[in-house]
Amino acid sequence: MSDQINPDHYRYGPAEAIDVIEAAIARAPDPVLGNCQGHVLRYVLRMWDKGDPAVNAAKARWYLERLLGKLEA
């Protein structure tokens, strides 16, 4: 039986995705930018393990474009 709280696609190598994401967004200058960055990472980290990789890549791109828009504004 798979773990419904921490399924395999939440782990990336030796670390859980949440740990990787929290470490990466810790230096974000504000919560909105960190949130967008976190979503990009979430979809990229699980891209091959959950659902359609193209859908996950498209979701990551959507958040990345949103992040870029905010950085360029």
N, C-alpha and C. Protein backbone atom coordinates (compact mmCIF):
# COMPACT_ATOMS: atom_id res chain seq x y z
N MET A 1 0.84 -1.19 0.00
CA MET A 1 0.00 0.00 0.00
C MET A 1 0.88 1.25 0.00
N SER A 2 0.58 2.20 -0.86
CA SER A 2 1.40 3.39 -0.93
C SER A 2 1.01 4.37 0.18
N ASP A 3 1.95 5.19 0.55
CA ASP A 3 1.75 6.20 1.59
C ASP A 3 0.96 7.36 0.98
N GLN A 4 -0.23 7.62 1.47
CA GLN A 4 -1.09 8.67 0.93
C GLN A 4 -0.62 10.07 1.34
N ILE A 5 0.13 10.16 2.42
CA ILE A 5 0.62 11.46 2.89
C ILE A 5 1.93 11.83 2.22
N ASN A 6 2.83 10.89 2.08
CA ASN A 6 4.14 11.13 1.47
C ASN A 6 4.42 10.11 0.38
N PRO A 7 3.70 10.18 -0.75
CA PRO A 7 3.92 9.21 -1.81
C PRO A 7 5.32 9.35 -2.43
N ASP A 8 5.70 8.35 -3.20
CA ASP A 8 7.04 8.32 -3.78
C ASP A 8 7.38 9.55 -4.60
N HIS A 9 6.40 10.14 -5.29
CA HIS A 9 6.73 11.30 -6.13
C HIS A 9 7.07 12.54 -5.31
N TYR A 10 6.95 12.50 -3.99
CA TYR A 10 7.36 13.61 -3.14
C TYR A 10 8.84 13.54 -2.78
N ARG A 11 9.48 12.40 -3.09
CA ARG A 11 10.90 12.25 -2.79
C ARG A 11 11.70 12.48 -4.06
N TYR A 12 12.78 13.19 -3.91
CA TYR A 12 13.68 13.46 -5.03
C TYR A 12 15.06 13.03 -4.57
N GLY A 13 15.48 11.86 -5.01
CA GLY A 13 16.76 11.33 -4.53
C GLY A 13 16.66 11.08 -3.03
N PRO A 14 17.65 11.51 -2.29
CA PRO A 14 17.65 11.25 -0.85
C PRO A 14 16.77 12.21 -0.04
N ALA A 15 16.22 13.23 -0.69
CA ALA A 15 15.46 14.26 0.03
C ALA A 15 14.00 14.26 -0.42
N GLU A 16 13.14 14.78 0.45
CA GLU A 16 11.76 14.99 0.06
C GLU A 16 11.66 16.33 -0.67
N ALA A 17 10.73 16.39 -1.60
CA ALA A 17 10.56 17.60 -2.40
C ALA A 17 10.35 18.82 -1.52
N ILE A 18 9.59 18.69 -0.45
CA ILE A 18 9.32 19.84 0.43
C ILE A 18 10.61 20.40 1.02
N ASP A 19 11.56 19.54 1.35
CA ASP A 19 12.83 20.00 1.90
C ASP A 19 13.65 20.75 0.84
N VAL A 20 13.65 20.23 -0.38
CA VAL A 20 14.36 20.88 -1.48
C VAL A 20 13.73 22.25 -1.76
N ILE A 21 12.41 22.29 -1.82
CA ILE A 21 11.71 23.53 -2.11
C ILE A 21 11.92 24.57 -1.01
N GLU A 22 11.77 24.16 0.25
CA GLU A 22 11.96 25.10 1.35
C GLU A 22 13.36 25.70 1.35
N ALA A 23 14.36 24.87 1.08
CA ALA A 23 15.74 25.38 1.03
C ALA A 23 15.92 26.36 -0.12
N ALA A 24 15.31 26.05 -1.26
CA ALA A 24 15.48 26.90 -2.44
C ALA A 24 14.80 28.25 -2.30
N ILE A 25 13.62 28.28 -1.67
CA ILE A 25 12.88 29.56 -1.61
C ILE A 25 13.24 30.40 -0.38
N ALA A 26 14.09 29.89 0.46
CA ALA A 26 14.44 30.61 1.69
C ALA A 26 15.01 32.00 1.42
N ARG A 27 15.67 32.18 0.30
CA ARG A 27 16.29 33.48 0.00
C ARG A 27 15.42 34.36 -0.87
N ALA A 28 14.22 33.94 -1.18
CA ALA A 28 13.34 34.76 -2.02
C ALA A 28 13.09 36.11 -1.34
N PRO A 29 13.10 37.19 -2.09
CA PRO A 29 12.93 38.51 -1.49
C PRO A 29 11.52 38.81 -0.97
N ASP A 30 10.53 38.05 -1.45
CA ASP A 30 9.18 38.21 -0.90
C ASP A 30 8.40 36.91 -1.10
N PRO A 31 7.32 36.75 -0.35
CA PRO A 31 6.58 35.49 -0.38
C PRO A 31 5.95 35.15 -1.74
N VAL A 32 5.54 36.16 -2.50
CA VAL A 32 4.92 35.89 -3.80
C VAL A 32 5.94 35.28 -4.75
N LEU A 33 7.14 35.84 -4.80
CA LEU A 33 8.18 35.30 -5.67
C LEU A 33 8.59 33.90 -5.21
N GLY A 34 8.72 33.71 -3.91
CA GLY A 34 9.06 32.40 -3.38
C GLY A 34 8.00 31.36 -3.68
N ASN A 35 6.74 31.79 -3.63
CA ASN A 35 5.64 30.88 -3.94
C ASN A 35 5.71 30.43 -5.39
N CYS A 36 5.92 31.35 -6.30
CA CYS A 36 6.03 30.99 -7.71
C CYS A 36 7.22 30.05 -7.94
N GLN A 37 8.35 30.36 -7.34
CA GLN A 37 9.53 29.51 -7.47
C GLN A 37 9.25 28.11 -6.92
N GLY A 38 8.58 28.05 -5.78
CA GLY A 38 8.25 26.77 -5.18
C GLY A 38 7.37 25.92 -6.07
N HIS A 39 6.39 26.55 -6.72
CA HIS A 39 5.52 25.79 -7.63
C HIS A 39 6.29 25.28 -8.85
N VAL A 40 7.20 26.10 -9.37
CA VAL A 40 8.03 25.65 -10.49
C VAL A 40 8.79 24.40 -10.08
N LEU A 41 9.41 24.46 -8.93
CA LEU A 41 10.19 23.32 -8.45
C LEU A 41 9.31 22.10 -8.21
N ARG A 42 8.15 22.30 -7.63
CA ARG A 42 7.25 21.19 -7.34
C ARG A 42 6.91 20.42 -8.60
N TYR A 43 6.53 21.13 -9.65
CA TYR A 43 6.14 20.45 -10.88
C TYR A 43 7.33 19.84 -11.60
N VAL A 44 8.50 20.47 -11.54
CA VAL A 44 9.68 19.91 -12.18
C VAL A 44 10.19 18.68 -11.42
N LEU A 45 10.19 18.74 -10.10
CA LEU A 45 10.69 17.62 -9.32
C LEU A 45 9.86 16.35 -9.50
N ARG A 46 8.57 16.49 -9.67
CA ARG A 46 7.71 15.31 -9.79
C ARG A 46 7.32 15.00 -11.23
N MET A 47 7.91 15.70 -12.18
CA MET A 47 7.49 15.64 -13.57
C MET A 47 7.42 14.22 -14.12
N TRP A 48 8.38 13.38 -13.83
CA TRP A 48 8.44 12.04 -14.40
C TRP A 48 7.67 11.01 -13.58
N ASP A 49 7.24 11.38 -12.39
CA ASP A 49 6.68 10.41 -11.46
C ASP A 49 5.19 10.52 -11.23
N LYS A 50 4.57 11.61 -11.60
CA LYS A 50 3.15 11.80 -11.32
C LYS A 50 2.45 12.35 -12.55
N GLY A 51 1.55 11.59 -13.10
CA GLY A 51 0.75 12.07 -14.21
C GLY A 51 1.55 12.23 -15.49
N ASP A 52 1.04 13.08 -16.36
CA ASP A 52 1.63 13.32 -17.67
C ASP A 52 2.78 14.32 -17.54
N PRO A 53 4.00 13.92 -17.94
CA PRO A 53 5.14 14.85 -17.84
C PRO A 53 4.91 16.16 -18.58
N ALA A 54 4.23 16.11 -19.72
CA ALA A 54 3.98 17.34 -20.47
C ALA A 54 3.08 18.29 -19.70
N VAL A 55 2.10 17.75 -18.99
CA VAL A 55 1.20 18.58 -18.18
C VAL A 55 1.99 19.21 -17.03
N ASN A 56 2.83 18.42 -16.36
CA ASN A 56 3.63 18.97 -15.26
C ASN A 56 4.60 20.03 -15.78
N ALA A 57 5.20 19.80 -16.94
CA ALA A 57 6.11 20.79 -17.51
C ALA A 57 5.36 22.07 -17.88
N ALA A 58 4.16 21.93 -18.40
CA ALA A 58 3.36 23.11 -18.75
C ALA A 58 2.98 23.91 -17.50
N LYS A 59 2.65 23.21 -16.43
CA LYS A 59 2.32 23.91 -15.17
C LYS A 59 3.55 24.63 -14.64
N ALA A 60 4.72 23.98 -14.70
CA ALA A 60 5.96 24.62 -14.26
C ALA A 60 6.23 25.87 -15.10
N ARG A 61 6.02 25.76 -16.42
CA ARG A 61 6.23 26.91 -17.30
C ARG A 61 5.29 28.06 -16.95
N TRP A 62 4.02 27.74 -16.64
CA TRP A 62 3.06 28.78 -16.29
C TRP A 62 3.54 29.56 -15.07
N TYR A 63 3.99 28.84 -14.05
CA TYR A 63 4.49 29.52 -12.85
C TYR A 63 5.80 30.25 -13.12
N LEU A 64 6.66 29.68 -13.96
CA LEU A 64 7.91 30.36 -14.29
C LEU A 64 7.63 31.65 -15.05
N GLU A 65 6.70 31.62 -15.98
CA GLU A 65 6.34 32.85 -16.71
C GLU A 65 5.74 33.89 -15.77
N ARG A 66 4.95 33.45 -14.82
CA ARG A 66 4.39 34.37 -13.82
C ARG A 66 5.52 34.99 -12.98
N LEU A 67 6.47 34.15 -12.57
CA LEU A 67 7.61 34.63 -11.79
C LEU A 67 8.42 35.63 -12.60
N LEU A 68 8.69 35.31 -13.85
CA LEU A 68 9.45 36.24 -14.71
C LEU A 68 8.71 37.56 -14.89
N GLY A 69 7.42 37.49 -15.07
CA GLY A 69 6.63 38.71 -15.21
C GLY A 69 6.75 39.61 -14.00
N LYS A 70 6.74 39.01 -12.82
CA LYS A 70 6.87 39.80 -11.59
C LYS A 70 8.29 40.35 -11.45
N LEU A 71 9.28 39.57 -11.82
CA LEU A 71 10.67 40.04 -11.73
C LEU A 71 10.96 41.16 -12.73
N GLU A 72 10.31 41.10 -13.88
CA GLU A 72 10.56 42.10 -14.92
C GLU A 72 9.72 43.35 -14.76
N ALA A 73 8.71 43.29 -13.88
CA ALA A 73 7.83 44.45 -13.69
C ALA A 73 8.52 45.58 -12.94
